[in-house]
Amino acid sequence: HGIYHRDLMPQNILLTDSRSRTLITDFGHAYHLGRP
């Protein structure tokens, strides 16, 4: 979808309470290609 995170590191990866599902967070540095 033209979205690039640019800040992928363990501190920006969260787990749900079950620790079975992984979530990417902190899109403050993200770049959305084609959406100025």
All heavy atoms as atom14 arrays in JSON, in Angstrom:
{
  "sequence": "HGIYHRDLMPQNILLTDSRSRTLITDFGHAYHLGRP",
  "atom14_mask": [
    [1, 1, 1, 1, 1, 1, 1, 1, 1, 1, 0, 0, 0, 0],
    [1, 1, 1, 1, 0, 0, 0, 0, 0, 0, 0, 0, 0, 0],
    [1, 1, 1, 1, 1, 1, 1, 1, 0, 0, 0, 0, 0, 0],
    [1, 1, 1, 1, 1, 1, 1, 1, 1, 1, 1, 1, 0, 0],
    [1, 1, 1, 1, 1, 1, 1, 1, 1, 1, 0, 0, 0, 0],
    [1, 1, 1, 1, 1, 1, 1, 1, 1, 1, 1, 0, 0, 0],
    [1, 1, 1, 1, 1, 1, 1, 1, 0, 0, 0, 0, 0, 0],
    [1, 1, 1, 1, 1, 1, 1, 1, 0, 0, 0, 0, 0, 0],
    [1, 1, 1, 1, 1, 1, 1, 1, 0, 0, 0, 0, 0, 0],
    [1, 1, 1, 1, 1, 1, 1, 0, 0, 0, 0, 0, 0, 0],
    [1, 1, 1, 1, 1, 1, 1, 1, 1, 0, 0, 0, 0, 0],
    [1, 1, 1, 1, 1, 1, 1, 1, 0, 0, 0, 0, 0, 0],
    [1, 1, 1, 1, 1, 1, 1, 1, 0, 0, 0, 0, 0, 0],
    [1, 1, 1, 1, 1, 1, 1, 1, 0, 0, 0, 0, 0, 0],
    [1, 1, 1, 1, 1, 1, 1, 1, 0, 0, 0, 0, 0, 0],
    [1, 1, 1, 1, 1, 1, 1, 0, 0, 0, 0, 0, 0, 0],
    [1, 1, 1, 1, 1, 1, 1, 1, 0, 0, 0, 0, 0, 0],
    [1, 1, 1, 1, 1, 1, 0, 0, 0, 0, 0, 0, 0, 0],
    [1, 1, 1, 1, 1, 1, 1, 1, 1, 1, 1, 0, 0, 0],
    [1, 1, 1, 1, 1, 1, 0, 0, 0, 0, 0, 0, 0, 0],
    [1, 1, 1, 1, 1, 1, 1, 1, 1, 1, 1, 0, 0, 0],
    [1, 1, 1, 1, 1, 1, 1, 0, 0, 0, 0, 0, 0, 0],
    [1, 1, 1, 1, 1, 1, 1, 1, 0, 0, 0, 0, 0, 0],
    [1, 1, 1, 1, 1, 1, 1, 1, 0, 0, 0, 0, 0, 0],
    [1, 1, 1, 1, 1, 1, 1, 0, 0, 0, 0, 0, 0, 0],
    [1, 1, 1, 1, 1, 1, 1, 1, 0, 0, 0, 0, 0, 0],
    [1, 1, 1, 1, 1, 1, 1, 1, 1, 1, 1, 0, 0, 0],
    [1, 1, 1, 1, 0, 0, 0, 0, 0, 0, 0, 0, 0, 0],
    [1, 1, 1, 1, 1, 1, 1, 1, 1, 1, 0, 0, 0, 0],
    [1, 1, 1, 1, 1, 0, 0, 0, 0, 0, 0, 0, 0, 0],
    [1, 1, 1, 1, 1, 1, 1, 1, 1, 1, 1, 1, 0, 0],
    [1, 1, 1, 1, 1, 1, 1, 1, 1, 1, 0, 0, 0, 0],
    [1, 1, 1, 1, 1, 1, 1, 1, 0, 0, 0, 0, 0, 0],
    [1, 1, 1, 1, 0, 0, 0, 0, 0, 0, 0, 0, 0, 0],
    [1, 1, 1, 1, 1, 1, 1, 1, 1, 1, 1, 0, 0, 0],
    [1, 1, 1, 1, 1, 1, 1, 0, 0, 0, 0, 0, 0, 0]
  ],
  "atom14_positions": [
    [[0.82, -1.21, 0.0], [0.0, 0.0, 0.0], [0.86, 1.27, 0.0], [0.35, 2.36, 0.25], [-0.92, 0.0, 1.22], [-2.08, -0.96, 1.1], [-3.34, -0.57, 0.7], [-2.14, -2.3, 1.29], [-4.13, -1.63, 0.68], [-3.43, -2.68, 1.03], [0.0, 0.0, 0.0], [0.0, 0.0, 0.0], [0.0, 0.0, 0.0], [0.0, 0.0, 0.0]],
    [[2.16, 1.11, -0.25], [3.04, 2.27, -0.35], [3.4, 2.89, 0.97], [3.76, 4.07, 1.02], [0.0, 0.0, 0.0], [0.0, 0.0, 0.0], [0.0, 0.0, 0.0], [0.0, 0.0, 0.0], [0.0, 0.0, 0.0], [0.0, 0.0, 0.0], [0.0, 0.0, 0.0], [0.0, 0.0, 0.0], [0.0, 0.0, 0.0], [0.0, 0.0, 0.0]],
    [[3.33, 2.12, 2.07], [3.65, 2.64, 3.4], [4.96, 2.02, 3.88], [5.11, 0.79, 3.86], [2.53, 2.33, 4.42], [1.22, 2.99, 3.97], [2.91, 2.82, 5.81], [0.02, 2.57, 4.77], [0.0, 0.0, 0.0], [0.0, 0.0, 0.0], [0.0, 0.0, 0.0], [0.0, 0.0, 0.0], [0.0, 0.0, 0.0], [0.0, 0.0, 0.0]],
    [[5.9, 2.85, 4.32], [7.21, 2.41, 4.77], [7.43, 2.93, 6.19], [7.3, 4.12, 6.44], [8.29, 2.89, 3.8], [8.03, 2.37, 2.41], [7.19, 3.06, 1.54], [8.58, 1.17, 1.99], [6.9, 2.56, 0.27], [8.3, 0.66, 0.73], [7.46, 1.36, -0.12], [7.16, 0.84, -1.36], [0.0, 0.0, 0.0], [0.0, 0.0, 0.0]],
    [[7.78, 2.03, 7.1], [7.8, 2.37, 8.52], [8.98, 3.25, 8.89], [8.84, 4.23, 9.61], [7.8, 1.09, 9.36], [7.53, 1.33, 10.81], [8.55, 1.63, 11.71], [6.39, 1.32, 11.52], [8.02, 1.78, 12.91], [6.72, 1.6, 12.83], [0.0, 0.0, 0.0], [0.0, 0.0, 0.0], [0.0, 0.0, 0.0], [0.0, 0.0, 0.0]],
    [[10.19, 2.87, 8.5], [11.44, 3.63, 8.71], [11.92, 3.67, 10.16], [12.94, 4.32, 10.44], [11.31, 5.07, 8.17], [11.05, 5.16, 6.7], [11.42, 6.49, 6.12], [10.58, 7.57, 6.6], [10.67, 8.82, 6.16], [11.56, 9.15, 5.25], [9.87, 9.76, 6.63], [0.0, 0.0, 0.0], [0.0, 0.0, 0.0], [0.0, 0.0, 0.0]],
    [[11.23, 3.02, 11.08], [11.66, 3.05, 12.48], [11.36, 1.71, 13.14], [10.91, 1.64, 14.28], [10.95, 4.19, 13.22], [11.6, 4.5, 14.57], [12.75, 4.07, 14.78], [10.95, 5.16, 15.4], [0.0, 0.0, 0.0], [0.0, 0.0, 0.0], [0.0, 0.0, 0.0], [0.0, 0.0, 0.0], [0.0, 0.0, 0.0], [0.0, 0.0, 0.0]],
    [[11.67, 0.63, 12.42], [11.33, -0.71, 12.89], [12.41, -1.2, 13.85], [13.56, -1.39, 13.47], [11.21, -1.66, 11.7], [10.49, -2.98, 11.94], [9.02, -2.75, 12.2], [10.68, -3.91, 10.76], [0.0, 0.0, 0.0], [0.0, 0.0, 0.0], [0.0, 0.0, 0.0], [0.0, 0.0, 0.0], [0.0, 0.0, 0.0], [0.0, 0.0, 0.0]],
    [[12.02, -1.4, 15.11], [12.95, -1.91, 16.12], [12.12, -2.57, 17.22], [10.9, -2.37, 17.29], [13.8, -0.77, 16.69], [13.04, 0.4, 17.23], [14.15, 1.7, 17.8], [12.99, 3.03, 18.13], [0.0, 0.0, 0.0], [0.0, 0.0, 0.0], [0.0, 0.0, 0.0], [0.0, 0.0, 0.0], [0.0, 0.0, 0.0], [0.0, 0.0, 0.0]],
    [[12.74, -3.38, 18.08], [11.97, -4.09, 19.1], [11.09, -3.19, 19.96], [9.99, -3.59, 20.35], [13.05, -4.78, 19.95], [14.18, -4.99, 19.0], [14.16, -3.78, 18.1], [0.0, 0.0, 0.0], [0.0, 0.0, 0.0], [0.0, 0.0, 0.0], [0.0, 0.0, 0.0], [0.0, 0.0, 0.0], [0.0, 0.0, 0.0], [0.0, 0.0, 0.0]],
    [[11.55, -1.97, 20.25], [10.76, -1.07, 21.09], [9.44, -0.66, 20.43], [8.52, -0.22, 21.1], [11.57, 0.19, 21.43], [12.76, -0.09, 22.33], [14.03, -0.38, 21.53], [13.96, -0.87, 20.42], [15.17, -0.05, 22.12], [0.0, 0.0, 0.0], [0.0, 0.0, 0.0], [0.0, 0.0, 0.0], [0.0, 0.0, 0.0], [0.0, 0.0, 0.0]],
    [[9.37, -0.78, 19.1], [8.15, -0.41, 18.39], [7.33, -1.62, 17.96], [6.45, -1.51, 17.11], [8.49, 0.45, 17.16], [8.98, 1.83, 17.56], [8.66, 2.32, 18.64], [9.76, 2.46, 16.7], [0.0, 0.0, 0.0], [0.0, 0.0, 0.0], [0.0, 0.0, 0.0], [0.0, 0.0, 0.0], [0.0, 0.0, 0.0], [0.0, 0.0, 0.0]],
    [[7.65, -2.78, 18.53], [6.87, -3.99, 18.29], [6.19, -4.36, 19.6], [6.86, -4.58, 20.62], [7.76, -5.16, 17.82], [8.57, -4.75, 16.59], [6.91, -6.39, 17.53], [7.76, -4.4, 15.37], [0.0, 0.0, 0.0], [0.0, 0.0, 0.0], [0.0, 0.0, 0.0], [0.0, 0.0, 0.0], [0.0, 0.0, 0.0], [0.0, 0.0, 0.0]],
    [[4.88, -4.41, 19.6], [4.12, -4.73, 20.8], [3.46, -6.09, 20.66], [3.21, -6.57, 19.55], [3.05, -3.66, 21.05], [3.55, -2.21, 21.15], [2.39, -1.28, 21.42], [4.62, -2.07, 22.21], [0.0, 0.0, 0.0], [0.0, 0.0, 0.0], [0.0, 0.0, 0.0], [0.0, 0.0, 0.0], [0.0, 0.0, 0.0], [0.0, 0.0, 0.0]],
    [[3.16, -6.7, 21.8], [2.48, -7.99, 21.84], [1.14, -7.84, 22.54], [1.0, -7.05, 23.46], [3.32, -9.03, 22.59], [4.78, -9.22, 22.13], [5.46, -10.26, 23.0], [4.84, -9.61, 20.67], [0.0, 0.0, 0.0], [0.0, 0.0, 0.0], [0.0, 0.0, 0.0], [0.0, 0.0, 0.0], [0.0, 0.0, 0.0], [0.0, 0.0, 0.0]],
    [[0.15, -8.61, 22.11], [-1.12, -8.63, 22.81], [-0.96, -9.39, 24.12], [0.06, -10.04, 24.36], [-2.2, -9.31, 21.96], [-1.76, -10.62, 21.61], [-2.46, -8.52, 20.68], [0.0, 0.0, 0.0], [0.0, 0.0, 0.0], [0.0, 0.0, 0.0], [0.0, 0.0, 0.0], [0.0, 0.0, 0.0], [0.0, 0.0, 0.0], [0.0, 0.0, 0.0]],
    [[-1.98, -9.32, 24.97], [-1.9, -9.96, 26.28], [-1.59, -11.45, 26.19], [-0.93, -12.01, 27.05], [-3.2, -9.75, 27.06], [-3.35, -8.32, 27.54], [-2.32, -7.64, 27.66], [-4.48, -7.89, 27.81], [0.0, 0.0, 0.0], [0.0, 0.0, 0.0], [0.0, 0.0, 0.0], [0.0, 0.0, 0.0], [0.0, 0.0, 0.0], [0.0, 0.0, 0.0]],
    [[-2.07, -12.11, 25.14], [-1.82, -13.54, 24.98], [-0.4, -13.82, 24.49], [0.02, -14.98, 24.46], [-2.81, -14.13, 23.96], [-2.6, -13.55, 22.68], [0.0, 0.0, 0.0], [0.0, 0.0, 0.0], [0.0, 0.0, 0.0], [0.0, 0.0, 0.0], [0.0, 0.0, 0.0], [0.0, 0.0, 0.0], [0.0, 0.0, 0.0], [0.0, 0.0, 0.0]],
    [[0.31, -12.78, 24.11], [1.67, -12.88, 23.55], [1.7, -13.75, 22.29], [2.74, -14.28, 21.91], [2.67, -13.41, 24.6], [2.74, -12.55, 25.84], [3.81, -12.98, 26.82], [5.14, -12.59, 26.37], [5.66, -11.37, 26.53], [4.93, -10.43, 27.08], [6.87, -11.1, 26.13], [0.0, 0.0, 0.0], [0.0, 0.0, 0.0], [0.0, 0.0, 0.0]],
    [[0.58, -13.87, 21.65], [0.51, -14.67, 20.42], [0.38, -13.79, 19.18], [0.57, -14.27, 18.06], [-0.69, -15.63, 20.49], [-1.9, -14.91, 20.58], [0.0, 0.0, 0.0], [0.0, 0.0, 0.0], [0.0, 0.0, 0.0], [0.0, 0.0, 0.0], [0.0, 0.0, 0.0], [0.0, 0.0, 0.0], [0.0, 0.0, 0.0], [0.0, 0.0, 0.0]],
    [[0.06, -12.52, 19.37], [-0.15, -11.61, 18.24], [0.81, -10.44, 18.33], [0.98, -9.85, 19.4], [-1.6, -11.12, 18.26], [-2.02, -10.44, 16.98], [-3.55, -10.31, 16.92], [-3.9, -9.09, 16.21], [-4.47, -8.04, 16.77], [-4.77, -8.06, 18.05], [-4.74, -6.98, 16.06], [0.0, 0.0, 0.0], [0.0, 0.0, 0.0], [0.0, 0.0, 0.0]],
    [[1.45, -10.12, 17.23], [2.45, -9.07, 17.18], [1.89, -7.85, 16.46], [1.24, -7.98, 15.42], [3.7, -9.57, 16.42], [4.09, -10.83, 16.94], [4.85, -8.6, 16.56], [0.0, 0.0, 0.0], [0.0, 0.0, 0.0], [0.0, 0.0, 0.0], [0.0, 0.0, 0.0], [0.0, 0.0, 0.0], [0.0, 0.0, 0.0], [0.0, 0.0, 0.0]],
    [[2.16, -6.67, 17.0], [1.65, -5.42, 16.42], [2.8, -4.45, 16.18], [3.66, -4.26, 17.05], [0.64, -4.76, 17.36], [-0.59, -5.57, 17.75], [-1.37, -4.84, 18.84], [-1.48, -5.83, 16.54], [0.0, 0.0, 0.0], [0.0, 0.0, 0.0], [0.0, 0.0, 0.0], [0.0, 0.0, 0.0], [0.0, 0.0, 0.0], [0.0, 0.0, 0.0]],
    [[2.81, -3.83, 15.01], [3.76, -2.76, 14.73], [3.11, -1.44, 15.14], [1.95, -1.18, 14.82], [4.14, -2.71, 13.24], [4.77, -4.03, 12.8], [5.08, -1.55, 12.96], [5.1, -4.08, 11.32], [0.0, 0.0, 0.0], [0.0, 0.0, 0.0], [0.0, 0.0, 0.0], [0.0, 0.0, 0.0], [0.0, 0.0, 0.0], [0.0, 0.0, 0.0]],
    [[3.85, -0.62, 15.87], [3.32, 0.67, 16.31], [4.33, 1.77, 16.02], [5.37, 1.53, 15.41], [2.96, 0.61, 17.81], [2.26, 1.81, 18.16], [4.21, 0.48, 18.67], [0.0, 0.0, 0.0], [0.0, 0.0, 0.0], [0.0, 0.0, 0.0], [0.0, 0.0, 0.0], [0.0, 0.0, 0.0], [0.0, 0.0, 0.0], [0.0, 0.0, 0.0]],
    [[4.03, 2.98, 16.47], [4.87, 4.17, 16.32], [5.19, 4.46, 14.86], [6.28, 4.18, 14.36], [6.17, 4.04, 17.13], [6.8, 5.41, 17.37], [6.38, 6.37, 16.71], [7.71, 5.51, 18.21], [0.0, 0.0, 0.0], [0.0, 0.0, 0.0], [0.0, 0.0, 0.0], [0.0, 0.0, 0.0], [0.0, 0.0, 0.0], [0.0, 0.0, 0.0]],
    [[4.21, 5.05, 14.18], [4.36, 5.42, 12.77], [4.75, 6.88, 12.61], [4.47, 7.49, 11.58], [3.06, 5.12, 12.02], [2.88, 3.66, 11.67], [2.6, 2.73, 12.66], [3.02, 3.22, 10.37], [2.45, 1.39, 12.36], [2.87, 1.88, 10.05], [2.57, 0.95, 11.04], [0.0, 0.0, 0.0], [0.0, 0.0, 0.0], [0.0, 0.0, 0.0]],
    [[5.41, 7.44, 13.63], [5.81, 8.84, 13.56], [6.85, 9.15, 12.51], [6.99, 10.29, 12.07], [0.0, 0.0, 0.0], [0.0, 0.0, 0.0], [0.0, 0.0, 0.0], [0.0, 0.0, 0.0], [0.0, 0.0, 0.0], [0.0, 0.0, 0.0], [0.0, 0.0, 0.0], [0.0, 0.0, 0.0], [0.0, 0.0, 0.0], [0.0, 0.0, 0.0]],
    [[7.62, 8.11, 12.09], [8.62, 8.3, 11.03], [8.15, 7.74, 9.7], [8.9, 7.77, 8.72], [9.93, 7.59, 11.41], [10.67, 8.24, 12.54], [11.36, 9.42, 12.41], [10.83, 7.86, 13.83], [11.91, 9.74, 13.57], [11.6, 8.81, 14.45], [0.0, 0.0, 0.0], [0.0, 0.0, 0.0], [0.0, 0.0, 0.0], [0.0, 0.0, 0.0]],
    [[6.94, 7.19, 9.65], [6.49, 6.48, 8.45], [6.32, 7.4, 7.26], [6.04, 8.6, 7.39], [5.17, 5.76, 8.74], [0.0, 0.0, 0.0], [0.0, 0.0, 0.0], [0.0, 0.0, 0.0], [0.0, 0.0, 0.0], [0.0, 0.0, 0.0], [0.0, 0.0, 0.0], [0.0, 0.0, 0.0], [0.0, 0.0, 0.0], [0.0, 0.0, 0.0]],
    [[6.5, 6.83, 6.08], [6.36, 7.54, 4.81], [5.28, 6.82, 4.01], [5.37, 5.62, 3.79], [7.69, 7.5, 4.06], [7.78, 8.4, 2.85], [8.72, 9.42, 2.8], [6.94, 8.25, 1.76], [8.82, 10.25, 1.69], [7.03, 9.07, 0.65], [7.97, 10.07, 0.62], [8.06, 10.89, -0.47], [0.0, 0.0, 0.0], [0.0, 0.0, 0.0]],
    [[4.26, 7.55, 3.6], [3.2, 6.98, 2.78], [3.4, 7.45, 1.34], [3.1, 8.58, 0.99], [1.83, 7.41, 3.3], [0.7, 6.56, 2.8], [-0.52, 6.53, 3.4], [0.62, 5.71, 1.76], [-1.32, 5.7, 2.76], [-0.65, 5.2, 1.75], [0.0, 0.0, 0.0], [0.0, 0.0, 0.0], [0.0, 0.0, 0.0], [0.0, 0.0, 0.0]],
    [[3.95, 6.58, 0.52], [4.3, 6.92, -0.85], [3.03, 7.3, -1.62], [2.03, 6.61, -1.57], [4.96, 5.7, -1.52], [5.75, 5.93, -2.8], [6.96, 6.82, -2.54], [6.21, 4.6, -3.38], [0.0, 0.0, 0.0], [0.0, 0.0, 0.0], [0.0, 0.0, 0.0], [0.0, 0.0, 0.0], [0.0, 0.0, 0.0], [0.0, 0.0, 0.0]],
    [[3.09, 8.41, -2.32], [1.95, 8.82, -3.13], [0.9, 9.6, -2.36], [-0.09, 10.04, -2.94], [0.0, 0.0, 0.0], [0.0, 0.0, 0.0], [0.0, 0.0, 0.0], [0.0, 0.0, 0.0], [0.0, 0.0, 0.0], [0.0, 0.0, 0.0], [0.0, 0.0, 0.0], [0.0, 0.0, 0.0], [0.0, 0.0, 0.0], [0.0, 0.0, 0.0]],
    [[1.08, 9.75, -1.03], [0.14, 10.53, -0.23], [0.94, 11.63, 0.46], [1.4, 11.45, 1.59], [-0.59, 9.65, 0.79], [-1.49, 8.6, 0.14], [-2.02, 7.62, 1.16], [-2.94, 8.24, 2.1], [-4.24, 8.32, 1.92], [-4.79, 7.82, 0.83], [-5.03, 8.88, 2.82], [0.0, 0.0, 0.0], [0.0, 0.0, 0.0], [0.0, 0.0, 0.0]],
    [[1.16, 12.75, -0.2], [2.06, 13.8, 0.32], [1.68, 14.23, 1.73], [0.51, 14.39, 2.07], [1.87, 14.94, -0.68], [1.42, 14.27, -1.94], [0.57, 13.12, -1.48], [0.0, 0.0, 0.0], [0.0, 0.0, 0.0], [0.0, 0.0, 0.0], [0.0, 0.0, 0.0], [0.0, 0.0, 0.0], [0.0, 0.0, 0.0], [0.0, 0.0, 0.0]]
  ]
}
